[in-house]
Amino acid sequence: MGYRTSKCISVCLLVLATSGVAIVSGCNQSNVVTAQRTISSEAALADFDRMWEIINETHFDPNLNGVDWVAVRDELRPQAAQAMNRREIRSVMREALNRLGQSHFGIIPDANDTNDVAVVSHDETDAMSSENYTEIQADHGNPQEDTTIADDSATDGTGSWDTGLDLRIMNGQAVITSVRDQSPAQEAGVQIGWVLTEVRSNELADGLAKLAEALEGPEFDINGRRMILNNHLQGPSGTTIDLTFLNRDNDTVELNIARIPMPGEFVKFGNLPAMSTHLEWNRFTMTSESGVSTEIGVISFNIWMMPIMAPFEKAMYELRDVDGLIIDLRGNPGGIGGLSSAIGRFLMDEKGSLGTMTMRTAKMQFNIEPVIVTTWGEPLDPFAGPIAILTDSGSASTSEVFAGGLQSLGRVEVFGTNTAGMALPASMEKLPSGDVLLHAIADFVTSTGYRLEHDGVVPDHVVPLTREDLIKGIDSPKHAAAQWIEKTVAE
């Protein structure tokens, strides 16, 4: 992103200690205490030089966003040669990548390296290039252990079970935005609008404050949410976690909540840990004062990975008779870019393009071919009613391509708040050490020429989600979208 500073998440190593919430900056090598050298200068330079060459050869802009890439190499290569361990060389490489000031550049540690404490950044969880399709492997069932863990706190953030909570960072607080049905959190009485304040008696406020010092805007929102969900609320089977909340009256509530398997299908993408991929859909009815009913379908999913295709198709088939549709992409950080066109075919009754991906030597259109028949042979026309898309600062990359592309085509109206502005198509390439370089390989503009990187998707209707409304049982963006659909159908 063009406005990024040296506080870019690709540079900083976020460490969430199990004994409390702590953030250790890896932006400066002096912050890393090393007892002995565990990497040779030759090995460190092999990764640094290969990283530099890949960016030099593949960056979509021959001018590398105005950065003197040779000067960056000359400045940082001596530091790379002095790196004492994998953590330090990664820090130097992330510093080099940060100079580009754009999204989707990062270093993903080798999955077999257990000595690195870096949390993968938002940019590093999303690679849009079709080159990565073959790296996806579905795991039918949760990757979990069957044994009970004696010391639950020692394994926070290491498993694939969770409490059933989702949250957003609002005004520096972790506000509960959903509680999964029949989850331990629901059974314990946690409600939407509560604020999570402590994990195992350790206050979240300090960690969030330090994160806010390192990151700005959408990066803080995205990584603050991930910090809590991935590094605290998730864990192995047979474990529980002590959580402290402020309820709707701002009274303190302390609960011990069990973890259960996360929903959906787990997928392994490239060098990243297995991720839960799940989609939900439902319908509801709005009735006007005159007694006219409007049927509205709602579809939401957490990430753009292959397992969402089948349930999305089923949802569109089951919701084919509704009057309007809401697609909730809030908190969805992206995934496989090509899925935006695959999903778009259910929503467009004529051919179109979500936009253009421009590489250094080639261009590719994100074309949409309208659906004709389902994969199981039933005729199905593209949905023809009004469509609203919900976004927030956690909607990034493929979510932005999809929402912004359809918005430019005039097919949808967007409700909520601005998306992250992290929309560069990217690819992954393994470095000599086994670490993986995530690097943007293209720019992206919608059919109207609008560039999503930096500014993101600007909603047609700016409707923030607030704790005050959640406490009242109101999801303001969703409610505004439903009212728009009702009014559009009536016209």
Protein backbone atom coordinates (compact mmCIF):
# COMPACT_ATOMS: atom_id res chain seq x y z
CA MET A 1 0.00 0.00 0.00
CA GLY A 2 1.32 3.39 -0.93
CA TYR A 3 0.85 4.98 2.47
CA ARG A 4 2.72 2.36 4.47
CA THR A 5 5.54 3.39 6.78
CA SER A 6 8.31 1.48 8.52
CA LYS A 7 5.60 0.21 10.85
CA CYS A 8 4.41 -2.17 8.16
CA ILE A 9 3.36 -5.54 9.54
CA SER A 10 5.65 -7.32 7.10
CA VAL A 11 8.58 -5.92 9.07
CA CYS A 12 7.39 -6.51 12.62
CA LEU A 13 7.47 -9.81 14.47
CA LEU A 14 4.43 -10.16 16.70
CA VAL A 15 4.95 -12.40 19.69
CA LEU A 16 2.02 -13.32 21.88
CA ALA A 17 3.48 -15.00 24.93
CA THR A 18 1.35 -17.64 26.61
CA SER A 19 2.08 -16.00 29.95
CA GLY A 20 0.55 -12.75 28.73
CA VAL A 21 0.11 -10.56 25.69
CA ALA A 22 3.45 -9.23 24.56
CA ILE A 23 4.51 -7.70 21.27
CA VAL A 24 8.18 -7.78 20.38
CA SER A 25 9.27 -5.66 17.47
CA GLY A 26 11.58 -7.30 14.99
CA CYS A 27 11.94 -4.13 12.97
CA ASN A 28 15.30 -3.46 14.50
CA GLN A 29 17.94 -6.15 14.84
CA SER A 30 19.05 -4.74 18.16
CA ASN A 31 15.79 -6.03 19.62
CA VAL A 32 16.85 -9.64 19.06
CA VAL A 33 19.10 -11.20 21.67
CA THR A 34 21.17 -14.03 20.23
CA ALA A 35 23.45 -16.35 22.18
CA GLN A 36 25.31 -17.76 19.20
CA ARG A 37 25.36 -17.79 15.42
CA THR A 38 23.04 -20.44 14.00
CA ILE A 39 23.24 -19.43 10.34
CA SER A 40 26.23 -18.84 8.08
CA SER A 41 26.71 -15.63 6.13
CA GLU A 42 26.52 -17.65 2.93
CA ALA A 43 23.14 -19.12 3.86
CA ALA A 44 21.77 -15.74 4.91
CA LEU A 45 22.93 -14.09 1.70
CA ALA A 46 21.51 -16.93 -0.40
CA ASP A 47 18.01 -16.04 0.79
CA PHE A 48 18.55 -12.29 0.65
CA ASP A 49 19.99 -12.35 -2.86
CA ARG A 50 17.30 -14.67 -4.20
CA MET A 51 14.60 -12.49 -2.66
CA TRP A 52 16.11 -9.39 -4.27
CA GLU A 53 16.39 -11.10 -7.68
CA ILE A 54 12.79 -12.33 -7.66
CA ILE A 55 11.42 -8.87 -6.90
CA ASN A 56 13.72 -7.28 -9.45
CA GLU A 57 12.58 -9.68 -12.17
CA THR A 58 8.85 -10.01 -11.40
CA HIS A 59 7.58 -6.76 -9.87
CA PHE A 60 4.76 -5.53 -12.08
CA ASP A 61 6.17 -2.00 -12.11
CA PRO A 62 9.58 -1.78 -13.84
CA ASN A 63 10.27 1.25 -11.64
CA LEU A 64 9.38 -0.73 -8.49
CA ASN A 65 7.00 1.90 -7.17
CA GLY A 66 9.70 4.55 -7.41
CA VAL A 67 12.08 2.68 -5.10
CA ASP A 68 15.80 2.43 -5.93
CA TRP A 69 15.94 -1.34 -5.51
CA VAL A 70 19.68 -1.49 -6.20
CA ALA A 71 20.30 1.02 -3.42
CA VAL A 72 18.14 -1.05 -1.07
CA ARG A 73 20.27 -4.10 -1.84
CA ASP A 74 23.52 -2.21 -1.34
CA GLU A 75 22.34 -0.81 1.99
CA LEU A 76 20.87 -3.96 3.53
CA ARG A 77 23.00 -6.75 2.09
CA PRO A 78 25.82 -6.15 4.63
CA GLN A 79 23.24 -6.48 7.41
CA ALA A 80 22.04 -9.71 5.87
CA ALA A 81 25.60 -11.07 5.90
CA GLN A 82 25.82 -10.33 9.63
CA ALA A 83 22.54 -12.06 10.54
CA MET A 84 23.05 -14.49 13.42
CA ASN A 85 19.97 -16.65 12.87
CA ARG A 86 16.91 -17.16 10.66
CA ARG A 87 14.92 -14.60 12.61
CA GLU A 88 17.45 -11.85 11.95
CA ILE A 89 17.79 -12.52 8.22
CA ARG A 90 14.00 -12.54 7.92
CA SER A 91 13.92 -9.17 9.65
CA VAL A 92 16.42 -7.73 7.15
CA MET A 93 14.48 -9.11 4.19
CA ARG A 94 11.20 -7.78 5.55
CA GLU A 95 12.82 -4.37 5.91
CA ALA A 96 13.82 -4.50 2.24
CA LEU A 97 10.31 -5.52 1.19
CA ASN A 98 8.80 -2.79 3.32
CA ARG A 99 10.67 -0.17 1.31
CA LEU A 100 8.34 -0.96 -1.61
CA GLY A 101 5.40 0.41 0.41
CA GLN A 102 2.88 -2.05 -1.03
CA SER A 103 0.73 -4.92 0.16
CA HIS A 104 1.36 -8.61 -0.45
CA PHE A 105 5.08 -8.65 0.18
CA GLY A 106 6.37 -10.80 3.03
CA ILE A 107 8.52 -13.67 4.25
CA ILE A 108 6.71 -16.80 5.42
CA PRO A 109 8.93 -18.92 7.70
CA ASP A 110 9.63 -22.52 6.75
CA ALA A 111 6.87 -24.63 8.29
CA ASN A 112 9.53 -26.99 9.65
CA ASP A 113 11.36 -24.22 11.49
CA THR A 114 10.05 -24.22 15.05
CA ASN A 115 12.50 -21.60 16.27
CA ASP A 116 10.90 -18.60 14.61
CA VAL A 117 8.35 -16.68 16.66
CA ALA A 118 6.93 -14.48 13.92
CA VAL A 119 3.22 -14.47 13.33
CA VAL A 120 2.40 -14.51 9.62
CA SER A 121 1.10 -11.12 8.60
CA HIS A 122 -2.18 -10.42 6.87
CA ASP A 123 -0.41 -9.96 3.56
CA GLU A 124 1.20 -13.36 3.96
CA THR A 125 -2.14 -15.19 4.27
CA ASP A 126 -3.40 -14.14 0.89
CA ALA A 127 -1.95 -15.04 -2.49
CA MET A 128 -4.17 -14.47 -5.49
CA SER A 129 -2.14 -15.99 -8.30
CA SER A 130 -3.54 -19.03 -10.06
CA GLU A 131 -0.01 -20.44 -9.79
CA ASN A 132 -0.86 -21.33 -6.21
CA TYR A 133 -3.99 -23.34 -6.96
CA THR A 134 -2.05 -26.58 -7.02
CA GLU A 135 -0.67 -25.89 -3.56
CA ILE A 136 -4.08 -26.31 -1.93
CA GLN A 137 -4.69 -29.63 -0.27
CA ALA A 138 -8.01 -30.36 1.43
CA ASP A 139 -8.01 -32.13 4.76
CA HIS A 140 -11.44 -33.67 5.28
CA GLY A 141 -11.78 -33.21 9.01
CA ASN A 142 -10.00 -31.15 11.61
CA PRO A 143 -6.24 -31.51 12.03
CA GLN A 144 -6.41 -32.19 15.74
CA GLU A 145 -5.00 -34.37 18.48
CA ASP A 146 -7.21 -36.72 20.44
CA THR A 147 -5.37 -36.39 23.72
CA THR A 148 -6.28 -33.99 26.49
CA ILE A 149 -3.62 -31.37 27.22
CA ALA A 150 -2.57 -31.18 30.86
CA ASP A 151 -1.49 -27.53 30.76
CA ASP A 152 -4.01 -25.74 28.54
CA SER A 153 -2.26 -22.36 28.62
CA ALA A 154 0.93 -23.80 27.13
CA THR A 155 -0.86 -24.66 23.90
CA ASP A 156 -2.94 -21.55 23.24
CA GLY A 157 -2.78 -20.71 19.54
CA THR A 158 -1.43 -24.10 18.49
CA GLY A 159 -4.61 -26.07 17.70
CA SER A 160 -7.68 -26.06 15.51
CA TRP A 161 -10.42 -25.98 18.16
CA ASP A 162 -12.06 -22.75 19.30
CA THR A 163 -14.70 -21.33 21.64
CA GLY A 164 -17.21 -20.24 18.98
CA LEU A 165 -16.51 -16.52 19.31
CA ASP A 166 -15.79 -13.94 16.64
CA LEU A 167 -14.85 -10.34 17.27
CA ARG A 168 -13.83 -7.01 15.79
CA ILE A 169 -11.53 -4.33 17.12
CA MET A 170 -13.66 -1.25 17.83
CA ASN A 171 -12.12 1.82 19.45
CA GLY A 172 -9.24 -0.31 20.69
CA GLN A 173 -11.52 -2.94 22.25
CA ALA A 174 -12.17 -6.55 21.26
CA VAL A 175 -15.94 -6.54 20.80
CA ILE A 176 -17.79 -9.83 20.33
CA THR A 177 -19.67 -9.67 17.02
CA SER A 178 -20.96 -13.23 16.78
CA VAL A 179 -21.40 -16.31 18.94
CA ARG A 180 -21.68 -19.58 17.06
CA ASP A 181 -24.84 -21.58 17.68
CA GLN A 182 -24.42 -24.49 20.08
CA SER A 183 -20.84 -23.47 20.83
CA PRO A 184 -19.29 -23.50 24.32
CA ALA A 185 -19.32 -19.70 24.30
CA GLN A 186 -23.06 -19.64 23.67
CA GLU A 187 -23.67 -22.25 26.36
CA ALA A 188 -21.57 -20.16 28.78
CA GLY A 189 -23.82 -17.17 28.12
CA VAL A 190 -21.51 -14.90 26.13
CA GLN A 191 -23.49 -12.34 24.13
CA ILE A 192 -22.89 -10.16 21.11
CA GLY A 193 -21.70 -6.73 22.21
CA TRP A 194 -19.62 -7.99 25.13
CA VAL A 195 -15.98 -6.87 25.28
CA LEU A 196 -13.19 -9.42 25.77
CA THR A 197 -10.77 -7.78 28.22
CA GLU A 198 -8.54 -10.55 29.57
CA VAL A 199 -7.22 -13.93 28.50
CA ARG A 200 -6.02 -16.11 31.38
CA SER A 201 -6.00 -12.99 33.61
CA ASN A 202 -3.75 -11.13 31.17
CA GLU A 203 -5.19 -7.87 29.91
CA LEU A 204 -5.57 -7.47 26.16
CA ALA A 205 -5.41 -3.69 26.32
CA ASP A 206 -1.62 -3.56 26.63
CA GLY A 207 -1.05 -5.84 23.66
CA LEU A 208 -3.54 -3.96 21.52
CA ALA A 209 -1.98 -0.64 22.48
CA LYS A 210 1.48 -1.85 21.47
CA LEU A 211 0.07 -3.22 18.24
CA ALA A 212 -1.56 0.15 17.54
CA GLU A 213 1.87 1.78 17.89
CA ALA A 214 3.30 -0.56 15.24
CA LEU A 215 0.42 -0.58 12.79
CA GLU A 216 -2.07 1.82 11.31
CA GLY A 217 -5.67 1.63 10.11
CA PRO A 218 -6.78 -1.66 8.55
CA GLU A 219 -3.54 -3.43 9.46
CA PHE A 220 -4.24 -2.81 13.15
CA ASP A 221 -7.84 -3.96 12.85
CA ILE A 222 -6.92 -7.12 10.92
CA ASN A 223 -3.95 -8.12 13.03
CA GLY A 224 -5.54 -7.18 16.34
CA ARG A 225 -8.41 -9.51 15.56
CA ARG A 226 -6.06 -12.25 14.37
CA MET A 227 -3.83 -11.80 17.39
CA ILE A 228 -6.70 -12.68 19.70
CA LEU A 229 -8.51 -15.31 17.64
CA ASN A 230 -5.49 -17.26 16.38
CA ASN A 231 -3.05 -16.86 19.24
CA HIS A 232 -5.40 -17.13 22.19
CA LEU A 233 -8.88 -18.42 21.51
CA GLN A 234 -7.75 -21.32 19.32
CA GLY A 235 -6.15 -24.38 20.86
CA PRO A 236 -5.97 -28.19 20.75
CA SER A 237 -8.74 -30.63 21.58
CA GLY A 238 -9.64 -31.22 25.21
CA THR A 239 -8.64 -27.72 26.36
CA THR A 240 -10.42 -24.80 27.98
CA ILE A 241 -9.54 -21.13 28.40
CA ASP A 242 -10.23 -18.53 31.08
CA LEU A 243 -11.74 -15.36 29.59
CA THR A 244 -12.88 -12.12 31.18
CA PHE A 245 -15.54 -9.92 29.59
CA LEU A 246 -17.41 -6.68 30.10
CA ASN A 247 -21.07 -7.52 29.58
CA ARG A 248 -23.68 -5.20 28.11
CA ASP A 249 -23.89 -3.33 31.42
CA ASN A 250 -20.08 -3.10 31.59
CA ASP A 251 -19.99 -5.47 34.53
CA THR A 252 -17.07 -7.94 34.69
CA VAL A 253 -17.86 -11.56 33.84
CA GLU A 254 -15.26 -14.31 34.26
CA LEU A 255 -15.80 -17.59 32.43
CA ASN A 256 -13.92 -20.79 31.73
CA ILE A 257 -14.91 -21.84 28.20
CA ALA A 258 -14.20 -25.14 26.50
CA ARG A 259 -13.00 -25.48 22.92
CA ILE A 260 -14.68 -27.56 20.22
CA PRO A 261 -13.73 -28.33 16.58
CA MET A 262 -13.93 -25.34 14.28
CA PRO A 263 -16.59 -25.58 11.56
CA GLY A 264 -16.07 -26.20 7.87
CA GLU A 265 -13.29 -27.87 5.94
CA PHE A 266 -9.61 -27.41 6.63
CA VAL A 267 -7.27 -26.60 3.77
CA LYS A 268 -3.51 -26.35 3.53
CA PHE A 269 -2.34 -23.46 1.37
CA GLY A 270 1.29 -23.30 0.38
CA ASN A 271 3.55 -22.84 3.41
CA LEU A 272 0.76 -21.67 5.71
CA PRO A 273 -0.87 -23.63 8.54
CA ALA A 274 -4.12 -25.47 7.83
CA MET A 275 -7.05 -23.04 7.83
CA SER A 276 -10.73 -23.58 8.55
CA THR A 277 -12.89 -22.63 5.57
CA HIS A 278 -16.60 -22.32 6.21
CA LEU A 279 -19.70 -20.73 4.67
CA GLU A 280 -23.11 -20.02 6.18
CA TRP A 281 -26.36 -18.98 4.60
CA ASN A 282 -29.91 -18.25 5.77
CA ARG A 283 -32.98 -16.25 4.86
CA PHE A 284 -35.25 -13.86 6.69
CA THR A 285 -38.41 -11.88 5.95
CA MET A 286 -38.99 -8.14 6.25
CA THR A 287 -42.60 -7.01 6.45
CA SER A 288 -43.54 -3.42 5.66
CA GLU A 289 -46.21 -1.40 7.46
CA SER A 290 -48.55 -2.18 4.58
CA GLY A 291 -48.02 -5.90 5.08
CA VAL A 292 -45.77 -6.52 2.05
CA SER A 293 -43.15 -9.18 2.71
CA THR A 294 -39.61 -9.16 1.29
CA GLU A 295 -37.55 -12.36 1.40
CA ILE A 296 -33.82 -11.74 1.81
CA GLY A 297 -31.03 -14.29 1.64
CA VAL A 298 -27.72 -13.86 3.48
CA ILE A 299 -24.44 -15.59 2.61
CA SER A 300 -21.21 -15.18 4.58
CA PHE A 301 -17.89 -16.99 4.45
CA ASN A 302 -14.56 -16.49 6.15
CA ILE A 303 -11.95 -16.90 3.40
CA TRP A 304 -11.69 -17.37 -0.38
CA MET A 305 -10.57 -21.00 -0.67
CA MET A 306 -11.78 -23.82 -2.90
CA PRO A 307 -14.05 -25.48 -0.29
CA ILE A 308 -16.43 -22.50 -0.39
CA MET A 309 -17.42 -23.16 -4.01
CA ALA A 310 -19.76 -26.11 -3.42
CA PRO A 311 -21.64 -24.57 -0.46
CA PHE A 312 -21.89 -21.22 -2.25
CA GLU A 313 -23.44 -22.92 -5.28
CA LYS A 314 -25.85 -24.79 -3.01
CA ALA A 315 -26.75 -21.58 -1.19
CA MET A 316 -27.47 -19.81 -4.48
CA TYR A 317 -29.66 -22.70 -5.59
CA GLU A 318 -31.60 -22.76 -2.31
CA LEU A 319 -31.95 -18.96 -2.29
CA ARG A 320 -32.90 -18.61 -5.94
CA ASP A 321 -36.44 -17.53 -5.01
CA VAL A 322 -35.54 -14.70 -2.58
CA ASP A 323 -36.20 -11.07 -3.46
CA GLY A 324 -32.74 -9.81 -2.57
CA LEU A 325 -29.35 -11.04 -1.45
CA ILE A 326 -26.79 -9.88 1.13
CA ILE A 327 -23.21 -11.17 0.85
CA ASP A 328 -21.28 -10.53 4.05
CA LEU A 329 -17.53 -10.14 3.45
CA ARG A 330 -16.70 -8.40 6.72
CA GLY A 331 -13.50 -9.76 8.18
CA ASN A 332 -12.82 -11.86 5.08
CA PRO A 333 -9.09 -11.34 4.30
CA GLY A 334 -9.09 -12.82 0.79
CA GLY A 335 -7.55 -15.94 -0.69
CA ILE A 336 -7.58 -17.25 -4.24
CA GLY A 337 -8.29 -14.37 -6.61
CA GLY A 338 -9.75 -16.53 -9.39
CA LEU A 339 -12.65 -17.52 -7.14
CA SER A 340 -14.03 -13.99 -7.41
CA SER A 341 -14.96 -14.67 -11.04
CA ALA A 342 -16.21 -18.17 -10.23
CA ILE A 343 -18.56 -16.79 -7.58
CA GLY A 344 -19.50 -13.81 -9.75
CA ARG A 345 -21.03 -16.10 -12.39
CA PHE A 346 -23.99 -16.72 -10.05
CA LEU A 347 -24.72 -12.98 -9.85
CA MET A 348 -24.31 -11.66 -13.41
CA ASP A 349 -26.80 -12.40 -16.19
CA GLU A 350 -24.38 -11.24 -18.88
CA LYS A 351 -20.68 -11.53 -19.50
CA GLY A 352 -18.48 -8.99 -17.79
CA SER A 353 -15.13 -8.39 -16.13
CA LEU A 354 -14.40 -7.64 -12.50
CA GLY A 355 -11.23 -5.92 -13.64
CA THR A 356 -7.77 -6.28 -15.08
CA MET A 357 -4.66 -7.77 -13.54
CA THR A 358 -1.60 -6.09 -15.07
CA MET A 359 1.76 -7.85 -14.81
CA ARG A 360 5.05 -6.58 -16.17
CA THR A 361 4.64 -8.25 -19.54
CA ALA A 362 1.02 -9.38 -19.68
CA LYS A 363 -2.56 -8.62 -18.68
CA MET A 364 -5.36 -10.87 -17.51
CA GLN A 365 -9.06 -10.15 -17.24
CA PHE A 366 -11.14 -11.43 -14.32
CA ASN A 367 -13.97 -12.43 -16.67
CA ILE A 368 -17.40 -13.67 -15.62
CA GLU A 369 -19.38 -16.25 -17.59
CA PRO A 370 -22.98 -16.41 -16.28
CA VAL A 371 -24.08 -19.72 -14.77
CA ILE A 372 -26.44 -21.90 -16.81
CA VAL A 373 -26.62 -25.15 -14.89
CA THR A 374 -25.43 -26.40 -11.50
CA THR A 375 -22.62 -28.90 -11.14
CA TRP A 376 -25.24 -31.54 -10.37
CA GLY A 377 -27.19 -30.83 -13.56
CA GLU A 378 -30.07 -28.60 -12.41
CA PRO A 379 -30.82 -25.50 -14.53
CA LEU A 380 -29.95 -22.32 -12.65
CA ASP A 381 -30.17 -18.73 -13.84
CA PRO A 382 -27.94 -16.04 -12.32
CA PHE A 383 -29.60 -14.25 -9.44
CA ALA A 384 -31.49 -11.25 -10.82
CA GLY A 385 -32.59 -9.38 -7.67
CA PRO A 386 -30.79 -6.57 -5.84
CA ILE A 387 -27.53 -7.53 -4.14
CA ALA A 388 -25.84 -5.81 -1.20
CA ILE A 389 -22.27 -6.55 -0.09
CA LEU A 390 -21.15 -5.84 3.47
CA THR A 391 -17.52 -4.75 4.01
CA ASP A 392 -15.23 -3.43 6.71
CA SER A 393 -11.53 -2.78 7.21
CA GLY A 394 -10.99 -6.53 7.52
CA SER A 395 -12.27 -7.15 3.98
CA ALA A 396 -9.13 -7.46 1.89
CA SER A 397 -7.60 -8.69 -1.35
CA THR A 398 -9.97 -11.09 -3.14
CA SER A 399 -12.87 -9.68 -1.12
CA GLU A 400 -11.95 -6.27 -2.51
CA VAL A 401 -11.63 -7.55 -6.07
CA PHE A 402 -15.08 -9.13 -5.81
CA ALA A 403 -16.87 -6.24 -4.09
CA GLY A 404 -15.10 -3.48 -6.02
CA GLY A 405 -15.42 -5.29 -9.34
CA LEU A 406 -19.17 -5.83 -8.99
CA GLN A 407 -19.60 -2.30 -7.68
CA SER A 408 -17.87 -0.88 -10.77
CA LEU A 409 -20.17 -2.99 -12.96
CA GLY A 410 -23.17 -1.46 -11.19
CA ARG A 411 -24.38 -4.88 -10.09
CA VAL A 412 -24.19 -4.37 -6.31
CA GLU A 413 -24.29 -1.69 -3.68
CA VAL A 414 -21.78 -1.84 -0.86
CA PHE A 415 -22.65 -1.19 2.80
CA GLY A 416 -20.35 -0.79 5.79
CA THR A 417 -16.95 0.84 5.90
CA ASN A 418 -13.89 1.05 3.63
CA THR A 419 -12.03 -2.14 2.87
CA ALA A 420 -8.35 -2.66 3.67
CA GLY A 421 -6.89 -1.40 0.39
CA MET A 422 -4.62 -4.45 0.07
CA ALA A 423 -5.48 -5.73 -3.37
CA LEU A 424 -2.35 -6.71 -5.27
CA PRO A 425 -2.32 -10.19 -6.90
CA ALA A 426 0.58 -12.17 -5.50
CA SER A 427 2.52 -15.39 -5.84
CA MET A 428 4.74 -17.49 -3.59
CA GLU A 429 8.26 -18.76 -4.26
CA LYS A 430 10.45 -20.89 -2.04
CA LEU A 431 13.83 -19.48 -1.05
CA PRO A 432 17.01 -21.59 -0.61
CA SER A 433 16.40 -21.99 3.14
CA GLY A 434 12.86 -23.28 2.73
CA ASP A 435 11.27 -19.96 3.72
CA VAL A 436 8.72 -18.63 1.24
CA LEU A 437 8.68 -15.22 -0.40
CA LEU A 438 5.22 -13.77 -0.94
CA HIS A 439 5.45 -11.10 -3.61
CA ALA A 440 2.98 -9.04 -5.60
CA ILE A 441 3.19 -9.82 -9.29
CA ALA A 442 0.48 -7.54 -10.66
CA ASP A 443 -1.59 -4.43 -10.18
CA PHE A 444 -5.38 -4.58 -10.29
CA VAL A 445 -7.99 -2.09 -11.48
CA THR A 446 -11.73 -2.56 -11.87
CA SER A 447 -13.61 -2.22 -15.16
CA THR A 448 -13.89 1.53 -14.59
CA GLY A 449 -10.12 1.87 -14.04
CA TYR A 450 -10.44 2.25 -10.27
CA ARG A 451 -7.33 1.04 -8.42
CA LEU A 452 -8.20 -0.83 -5.23
CA GLU A 453 -4.72 -0.81 -3.67
CA HIS A 454 -4.42 1.82 -0.93
CA ASP A 455 -7.95 3.30 -0.94
CA GLY A 456 -9.88 0.03 -1.12
CA VAL A 457 -13.57 -0.28 -1.85
CA VAL A 458 -15.49 2.82 -0.80
CA PRO A 459 -19.04 1.83 0.28
CA ASP A 460 -22.05 3.30 -1.47
CA HIS A 461 -23.57 3.53 2.00
CA VAL A 462 -21.13 4.19 4.86
CA VAL A 463 -22.61 2.40 7.87
CA PRO A 464 -20.19 1.65 10.75
CA LEU A 465 -20.75 -1.31 13.04
CA THR A 466 -20.78 -0.08 16.65
CA ARG A 467 -20.85 -1.78 20.01
CA GLU A 468 -23.81 0.38 21.03
CA ASP A 469 -25.91 -1.00 18.18
CA LEU A 470 -24.76 -4.57 18.80
CA ILE A 471 -25.87 -4.28 22.42
CA LYS A 472 -29.31 -3.29 21.12
CA GLY A 473 -29.31 -6.33 18.87
CA ILE A 474 -28.81 -4.26 15.72
CA ASP A 475 -26.29 -5.11 13.01
CA SER A 476 -26.38 -1.66 11.43
CA PRO A 477 -24.74 -2.42 8.03
CA LYS A 478 -26.87 -5.54 7.57
CA HIS A 479 -30.02 -3.68 8.62
CA ALA A 480 -29.29 -0.81 6.21
CA ALA A 481 -28.68 -3.30 3.39
CA ALA A 482 -31.97 -5.08 4.11
CA GLN A 483 -33.85 -1.77 4.09
CA TRP A 484 -32.27 -0.88 0.73
CA ILE A 485 -33.30 -4.24 -0.72
CA GLU A 486 -36.84 -3.81 0.59
CA LYS A 487 -37.08 -0.34 -0.96
CA THR A 488 -35.54 -1.46 -4.25
CA VAL A 489 -37.91 -4.39 -4.60
CA ALA A 490 -40.91 -2.16 -3.87
CA GLU A 491 -39.99 0.36 -6.57
